[in-house]
């Protein structure tokens, strides 16, 4: 078996912007059935920088990520029932950050007509920032402002991922990966697949 060592970049950076068209619907069964809906646009700006150094098939790394999500002030409209409990929300910008420290590993095996690569990573992440509260009020009740508190995940989590990529000399390649983000009070799992052609 022949192992191919891949060269890694010591520093990598990326920036991203996202536009979100958000629609919400809420139902209240306090006195009959009241239904409320809202629609608004949210903006997401993010950036990340990562440093690492390859030692054979292993690459220790550290990364820092920042993200800002901006939502405007918006108000619900009444779809059915009484409008008394329709809510209005203040605009808000939530800034979050994440620092990661871990190690990545990959092994590549050549075969006739291409090669296959197994990727894996394990690390620890520390999240900071991220205000989960939102100020709202009942539109029909002046002076009824109150704060809604969202769920907060534990700030320290374990990161685990594994992936497999197969590349052919004719330019076609395919791959997939699964990842887990685990903390004491939350867990998130994700999977991706890819099919590409390079010429």
C-alpha atoms as a PDB file:
ATOM      1  CA  UNK A   1       0.000   0.000   0.000  1.00  0.00           C
ATOM      2  CA  UNK A   2       1.365   3.385  -0.991  1.00  0.00           C
ATOM      3  CA  UNK A   3       0.516   6.357   1.209  1.00  0.00           C
ATOM      4  CA  UNK A   4       0.415   9.795  -0.324  1.00  0.00           C
ATOM      5  CA  UNK A   5       1.282  12.716   1.954  1.00  0.00           C
ATOM      6  CA  UNK A   6      -0.642  15.903   1.252  1.00  0.00           C
ATOM      7  CA  UNK A   7       0.763  19.360   1.815  1.00  0.00           C
ATOM      8  CA  UNK A   8      -1.262  21.616   4.117  1.00  0.00           C
ATOM      9  CA  UNK A   9      -1.404  25.400   4.339  1.00  0.00           C
ATOM     10  CA  UNK A  10      -0.245  26.780   7.729  1.00  0.00           C
ATOM     11  CA  UNK A  11      -2.848  29.599   7.685  1.00  0.00           C
ATOM     12  CA  UNK A  12      -6.300  29.645   6.120  1.00  0.00           C
ATOM     13  CA  UNK A  13      -9.051  32.266   6.319  1.00  0.00           C
ATOM     14  CA  UNK A  14     -12.605  32.547   5.020  1.00  0.00           C
ATOM     15  CA  UNK A  15     -15.412  35.109   5.125  1.00  0.00           C
ATOM     16  CA  UNK A  16     -19.095  34.580   4.343  1.00  0.00           C
ATOM     17  CA  UNK A  17     -22.353  36.488   4.081  1.00  0.00           C
ATOM     18  CA  UNK A  18     -25.837  35.001   4.293  1.00  0.00           C
ATOM     19  CA  UNK A  19     -29.259  36.451   3.527  1.00  0.00           C
ATOM     20  CA  UNK A  20     -32.226  34.806   5.249  1.00  0.00           C
ATOM     21  CA  UNK A  21     -35.882  35.167   4.272  1.00  0.00           C
ATOM     22  CA  UNK A  22     -37.645  34.188   7.520  1.00  0.00           C
ATOM     23  CA  UNK A  23     -41.300  33.231   7.974  1.00  0.00           C
ATOM     24  CA  UNK A  24     -42.769  32.480  11.415  1.00  0.00           C
ATOM     25  CA  UNK A  25     -46.155  31.187  12.540  1.00  0.00           C
ATOM     26  CA  UNK A  26     -47.453  30.942  16.105  1.00  0.00           C
ATOM     27  CA  UNK A  27     -50.684  29.496  17.492  1.00  0.00           C
ATOM     28  CA  UNK A  28     -52.264  30.409  20.847  1.00  0.00           C
ATOM     29  CA  UNK A  29     -55.095  28.375  22.403  1.00  0.00           C
ATOM     30  CA  UNK A  30     -55.748  30.525  25.480  1.00  0.00           C
ATOM     31  CA  UNK A  31     -59.297  31.553  24.527  1.00  0.00           C
ATOM     32  CA  UNK A  32     -60.154  29.854  21.275  1.00  0.00           C
ATOM     33  CA  UNK A  33     -57.541  29.509  18.551  1.00  0.00           C
ATOM     34  CA  UNK A  34     -55.460  32.541  17.619  1.00  0.00           C
ATOM     35  CA  UNK A  35     -52.867  32.302  14.827  1.00  0.00           C
ATOM     36  CA  UNK A  36     -50.155  34.855  14.137  1.00  0.00           C
ATOM     37  CA  UNK A  37     -47.528  35.071  11.390  1.00  0.00           C
ATOM     38  CA  UNK A  38     -44.572  37.279  10.494  1.00  0.00           C
ATOM     39  CA  UNK A  39     -42.039  37.598   7.712  1.00  0.00           C
ATOM     40  CA  UNK A  40     -38.724  39.440   7.778  1.00  0.00           C
ATOM     41  CA  UNK A  41     -35.173  39.395   6.408  1.00  0.00           C
ATOM     42  CA  UNK A  42     -32.107  38.561   8.492  1.00  0.00           C
ATOM     43  CA  UNK A  43     -28.445  39.062   7.614  1.00  0.00           C
ATOM     44  CA  UNK A  44     -25.520  36.891   8.655  1.00  0.00           C
ATOM     45  CA  UNK A  45     -21.846  37.891   8.452  1.00  0.00           C
ATOM     46  CA  UNK A  46     -19.142  35.404   9.480  1.00  0.00           C
ATOM     47  CA  UNK A  47     -15.397  34.924   9.298  1.00  0.00           C
ATOM     48  CA  UNK A  48     -12.871  32.316  10.406  1.00  0.00           C
ATOM     49  CA  UNK A  49      -9.104  31.989  10.565  1.00  0.00           C
ATOM     50  CA  UNK A  50      -7.268  28.714  11.158  1.00  0.00           C
ATOM     51  CA  UNK A  51      -3.604  27.926  11.753  1.00  0.00           C
ATOM     52  CA  UNK A  52      -1.990  24.512  11.780  1.00  0.00           C
ATOM     53  CA  UNK A  53       1.103  22.556  10.860  1.00  0.00           C
ATOM     54  CA  UNK A  54       1.350  19.128   9.285  1.00  0.00           C
ATOM     55  CA  UNK A  55       3.439  16.374  10.845  1.00  0.00           C
ATOM     56  CA  UNK A  56       3.199  13.417   8.506  1.00  0.00           C
ATOM     57  CA  UNK A  57      -0.463  12.457   8.363  1.00  0.00           C
ATOM     58  CA  UNK A  58      -1.440  14.575  11.374  1.00  0.00           C
ATOM     59  CA  UNK A  59      -2.180  18.303  11.575  1.00  0.00           C
ATOM     60  CA  UNK A  60      -2.697  20.003  14.957  1.00  0.00           C
ATOM     61  CA  UNK A  61      -4.776  23.142  14.449  1.00  0.00           C
ATOM     62  CA  UNK A  62      -6.319  26.127  16.188  1.00  0.00           C
ATOM     63  CA  UNK A  63      -9.085  28.307  14.805  1.00  0.00           C
ATOM     64  CA  UNK A  64     -11.102  31.378  15.734  1.00  0.00           C
ATOM     65  CA  UNK A  65     -14.542  32.119  14.290  1.00  0.00           C
ATOM     66  CA  UNK A  66     -16.808  35.134  14.604  1.00  0.00           C
ATOM     67  CA  UNK A  67     -20.398  35.626  13.483  1.00  0.00           C
ATOM     68  CA  UNK A  68     -22.965  38.430  13.614  1.00  0.00           C
ATOM     69  CA  UNK A  69     -26.666  37.871  12.907  1.00  0.00           C
ATOM     70  CA  UNK A  70     -28.897  40.925  12.463  1.00  0.00           C
ATOM     71  CA  UNK A  71     -32.694  40.795  12.609  1.00  0.00           C
ATOM     72  CA  UNK A  72     -34.898  43.872  12.122  1.00  0.00           C
ATOM     73  CA  UNK A  73     -37.789  45.023  14.251  1.00  0.00           C
ATOM     74  CA  UNK A  74     -40.929  43.246  13.064  1.00  0.00           C
ATOM     75  CA  UNK A  75     -44.533  42.649  14.068  1.00  0.00           C
ATOM     76  CA  UNK A  76     -46.867  39.693  13.741  1.00  0.00           C
ATOM     77  CA  UNK A  77     -50.058  39.832  11.715  1.00  0.00           C
ATOM     78  CA  UNK A  78     -53.205  38.033  12.857  1.00  0.00           C
ATOM     79  CA  UNK A  79     -54.238  35.145  10.598  1.00  0.00           C
ATOM     80  CA  UNK A  80     -57.171  33.942  12.702  1.00  0.00           C
ATOM     81  CA  UNK A  81     -58.774  34.838  16.010  1.00  0.00           C
ATOM     82  CA  UNK A  82     -58.168  37.871  18.194  1.00  0.00           C
ATOM     83  CA  UNK A  83     -55.246  40.273  17.537  1.00  0.00           C
ATOM     84  CA  UNK A  84     -54.834  41.076  21.254  1.00  0.00           C
ATOM     85  CA  UNK A  85     -51.833  38.774  21.727  1.00  0.00           C
ATOM     86  CA  UNK A  86     -50.040  39.594  18.457  1.00  0.00           C
ATOM     87  CA  UNK A  87     -46.399  40.384  19.272  1.00  0.00           C
ATOM     88  CA  UNK A  88     -43.939  43.019  18.088  1.00  0.00           C
ATOM     89  CA  UNK A  89     -40.193  42.382  18.402  1.00  0.00           C
ATOM     90  CA  UNK A  90     -37.270  44.796  18.658  1.00  0.00           C
ATOM     91  CA  UNK A  91     -34.434  44.678  16.154  1.00  0.00           C
ATOM     92  CA  UNK A  92     -31.300  42.933  17.365  1.00  0.00           C
ATOM     93  CA  UNK A  93     -27.743  42.024  16.395  1.00  0.00           C
ATOM     94  CA  UNK A  94     -26.284  38.926  18.050  1.00  0.00           C
ATOM     95  CA  UNK A  95     -22.499  38.470  17.965  1.00  0.00           C
ATOM     96  CA  UNK A  96     -20.995  35.064  18.725  1.00  0.00           C
ATOM     97  CA  UNK A  97     -17.513  33.557  18.631  1.00  0.00           C
ATOM     98  CA  UNK A  98     -15.946  30.132  18.752  1.00  0.00           C
ATOM     99  CA  UNK A  99     -12.381  29.016  19.440  1.00  0.00           C
ATOM    100  CA  UNK A 100     -11.314  25.481  18.478  1.00  0.00           C
ATOM    101  CA  UNK A 101      -8.253  23.409  19.288  1.00  0.00           C
ATOM    102  CA  UNK A 102      -7.772  19.953  17.863  1.00  0.00           C
ATOM    103  CA  UNK A 103      -5.993  17.608  15.488  1.00  0.00           C
ATOM    104  CA  UNK A 104      -6.821  16.440  11.979  1.00  0.00           C
ATOM    105  CA  UNK A 105      -5.572  13.292  10.296  1.00  0.00           C
ATOM    106  CA  UNK A 106      -5.768  11.898   6.781  1.00  0.00           C
ATOM    107  CA  UNK A 107      -4.558   8.806   4.991  1.00  0.00           C
ATOM    108  CA  UNK A 108      -4.480   8.495   1.204  1.00  0.00           C
ATOM    109  CA  UNK A 109      -4.177   5.224  -0.697  1.00  0.00           C
ATOM    110  CA  UNK A 110      -3.455   5.131  -4.430  1.00  0.00           C
ATOM    111  CA  UNK A 111      -5.176   2.603  -6.640  1.00  0.00           C
ATOM    112  CA  UNK A 112      -5.140   2.126 -10.377  1.00  0.00           C
ATOM    113  CA  UNK A 113      -7.045   5.077 -11.827  1.00  0.00           C
ATOM    114  CA  UNK A 114      -7.251   7.245  -8.724  1.00  0.00           C
ATOM    115  CA  UNK A 115      -6.918   7.437  -4.963  1.00  0.00           C
ATOM    116  CA  UNK A 116      -9.051   7.266  -1.817  1.00  0.00           C
ATOM    117  CA  UNK A 117      -8.595   9.505   1.224  1.00  0.00           C
ATOM    118  CA  UNK A 118      -9.862   8.976   4.752  1.00  0.00           C
ATOM    119  CA  UNK A 119     -10.171  12.178   6.805  1.00  0.00           C
ATOM    120  CA  UNK A 120     -10.841  12.492  10.516  1.00  0.00           C
ATOM    121  CA  UNK A 121     -10.661  15.170  13.194  1.00  0.00           C
ATOM    122  CA  UNK A 122     -11.193  15.545  16.906  1.00  0.00           C
ATOM    123  CA  UNK A 123     -11.132  18.747  18.909  1.00  0.00           C
ATOM    124  CA  UNK A 124     -12.561  20.918  21.666  1.00  0.00           C
ATOM    125  CA  UNK A 125     -14.561  24.094  21.058  1.00  0.00           C
ATOM    126  CA  UNK A 126     -15.255  27.024  23.364  1.00  0.00           C
ATOM    127  CA  UNK A 127     -18.172  29.299  22.474  1.00  0.00           C
ATOM    128  CA  UNK A 128     -18.577  32.831  23.782  1.00  0.00           C
ATOM    129  CA  UNK A 129     -21.041  35.653  23.319  1.00  0.00           C
ATOM    130  CA  UNK A 130     -24.439  34.879  21.864  1.00  0.00           C
ATOM    131  CA  UNK A 131     -27.234  36.748  23.640  1.00  0.00           C
ATOM    132  CA  UNK A 132     -30.297  34.461  23.495  1.00  0.00           C
ATOM    133  CA  UNK A 133     -32.805  37.009  24.856  1.00  0.00           C
ATOM    134  CA  UNK A 134     -35.266  39.006  22.746  1.00  0.00           C
ATOM    135  CA  UNK A 135     -37.418  41.991  23.743  1.00  0.00           C
ATOM    136  CA  UNK A 136     -41.065  41.806  22.672  1.00  0.00           C
ATOM    137  CA  UNK A 137     -44.386  43.484  23.421  1.00  0.00           C
ATOM    138  CA  UNK A 138     -48.077  42.930  22.776  1.00  0.00           C
ATOM    139  CA  UNK A 139     -49.141  45.311  19.998  1.00  0.00           C
ATOM    140  CA  UNK A 140     -52.582  45.906  21.521  1.00  0.00           C
ATOM    141  CA  UNK A 141     -51.261  46.535  25.059  1.00  0.00           C
ATOM    142  CA  UNK A 142     -49.056  49.658  25.373  1.00  0.00           C
ATOM    143  CA  UNK A 143     -46.274  49.314  27.926  1.00  0.00           C
ATOM    144  CA  UNK A 144     -46.348  45.512  27.865  1.00  0.00           C
ATOM    145  CA  UNK A 145     -42.670  45.024  26.986  1.00  0.00           C
ATOM    146  CA  UNK A 146     -41.072  41.804  28.254  1.00  0.00           C
ATOM    147  CA  UNK A 147     -38.004  39.664  27.534  1.00  0.00           C
ATOM    148  CA  UNK A 148     -38.080  36.217  25.958  1.00  0.00           C
ATOM    149  CA  UNK A 149     -35.170  33.954  26.934  1.00  0.00           C
ATOM    150  CA  UNK A 150     -33.980  31.269  24.516  1.00  0.00           C
ATOM    151  CA  UNK A 151     -32.236  27.993  25.313  1.00  0.00           C
ATOM    152  CA  UNK A 152     -28.476  28.210  25.853  1.00  0.00           C
ATOM    153  CA  UNK A 153     -26.119  25.374  24.965  1.00  0.00           C
ATOM    154  CA  UNK A 154     -23.097  24.563  27.114  1.00  0.00           C
ATOM    155  CA  UNK A 155     -20.142  26.694  26.021  1.00  0.00           C
ATOM    156  CA  UNK A 156     -17.586  23.849  25.869  1.00  0.00           C
ATOM    157  CA  UNK A 157     -18.130  21.000  23.407  1.00  0.00           C
ATOM    158  CA  UNK A 158     -16.347  18.019  21.867  1.00  0.00           C
ATOM    159  CA  UNK A 159     -15.983  17.904  18.082  1.00  0.00           C
ATOM    160  CA  UNK A 160     -15.643  14.651  16.139  1.00  0.00           C
ATOM    161  CA  UNK A 161     -15.755  14.121  12.377  1.00  0.00           C
ATOM    162  CA  UNK A 162     -14.841  11.488   9.795  1.00  0.00           C
ATOM    163  CA  UNK A 163     -15.008  11.566   6.015  1.00  0.00           C
ATOM    164  CA  UNK A 164     -14.115   9.559   2.918  1.00  0.00           C
ATOM    165  CA  UNK A 165     -13.198  10.925  -0.518  1.00  0.00           C
ATOM    166  CA  UNK A 166     -12.596   8.987  -3.731  1.00  0.00           C
ATOM    167  CA  UNK A 167     -10.938  10.777  -6.665  1.00  0.00           C
ATOM    168  CA  UNK A 168     -10.425   9.329 -10.136  1.00  0.00           C
ATOM    169  CA  UNK A 169      -7.765  10.349 -12.628  1.00  0.00           C
ATOM    170  CA  UNK A 170     -10.469  11.189 -15.198  1.00  0.00           C
ATOM    171  CA  UNK A 171     -11.562  14.161 -13.041  1.00  0.00           C
ATOM    172  CA  UNK A 172     -14.553  12.691 -11.228  1.00  0.00           C
ATOM    173  CA  UNK A 173     -14.605  12.556  -7.449  1.00  0.00           C
ATOM    174  CA  UNK A 174     -17.111  11.759  -4.729  1.00  0.00           C
ATOM    175  CA  UNK A 175     -17.078  12.002  -0.972  1.00  0.00           C
ATOM    176  CA  UNK A 176     -19.019  12.240   2.226  1.00  0.00           C
ATOM    177  CA  UNK A 177     -18.529  13.161   5.859  1.00  0.00           C
ATOM    178  CA  UNK A 178     -20.334  12.984   9.187  1.00  0.00           C
ATOM    179  CA  UNK A 179     -19.683  15.244  12.174  1.00  0.00           C
ATOM    180  CA  UNK A 180     -20.852  15.583  15.763  1.00  0.00           C
ATOM    181  CA  UNK A 181     -20.792  18.547  18.156  1.00  0.00           C
ATOM    182  CA  UNK A 182     -21.366  17.252  21.697  1.00  0.00           C
ATOM    183  CA  UNK A 183     -21.777  19.094  24.997  1.00  0.00           C
ATOM    184  CA  UNK A 184     -23.318  18.300  28.375  1.00  0.00           C
ATOM    185  CA  UNK A 185     -26.775  19.658  27.491  1.00  0.00           C
ATOM    186  CA  UNK A 186     -26.902  19.531  23.690  1.00  0.00           C
ATOM    187  CA  UNK A 187     -25.773  17.528  20.693  1.00  0.00           C
ATOM    188  CA  UNK A 188     -25.713  18.288  16.982  1.00  0.00           C
ATOM    189  CA  UNK A 189     -25.059  15.870  14.135  1.00  0.00           C
ATOM    190  CA  UNK A 190     -24.524  16.642  10.467  1.00  0.00           C
ATOM    191  CA  UNK A 191     -23.730  14.845   7.253  1.00  0.00           C
ATOM    192  CA  UNK A 192     -22.578  16.016   3.828  1.00  0.00           C
ATOM    193  CA  UNK A 193     -22.148  14.417   0.425  1.00  0.00           C
ATOM    194  CA  UNK A 194     -20.273  15.603  -2.652  1.00  0.00           C
ATOM    195  CA  UNK A 195     -20.002  14.671  -6.329  1.00  0.00           C
ATOM    196  CA  UNK A 196     -17.741  16.749  -8.550  1.00  0.00           C
ATOM    197  CA  UNK A 197     -15.839  16.846 -11.837  1.00  0.00           C
ATOM    198  CA  UNK A 198     -12.585  18.709 -12.409  1.00  0.00           C
ATOM    199  CA  UNK A 199     -11.177  19.563 -15.819  1.00  0.00           C
END
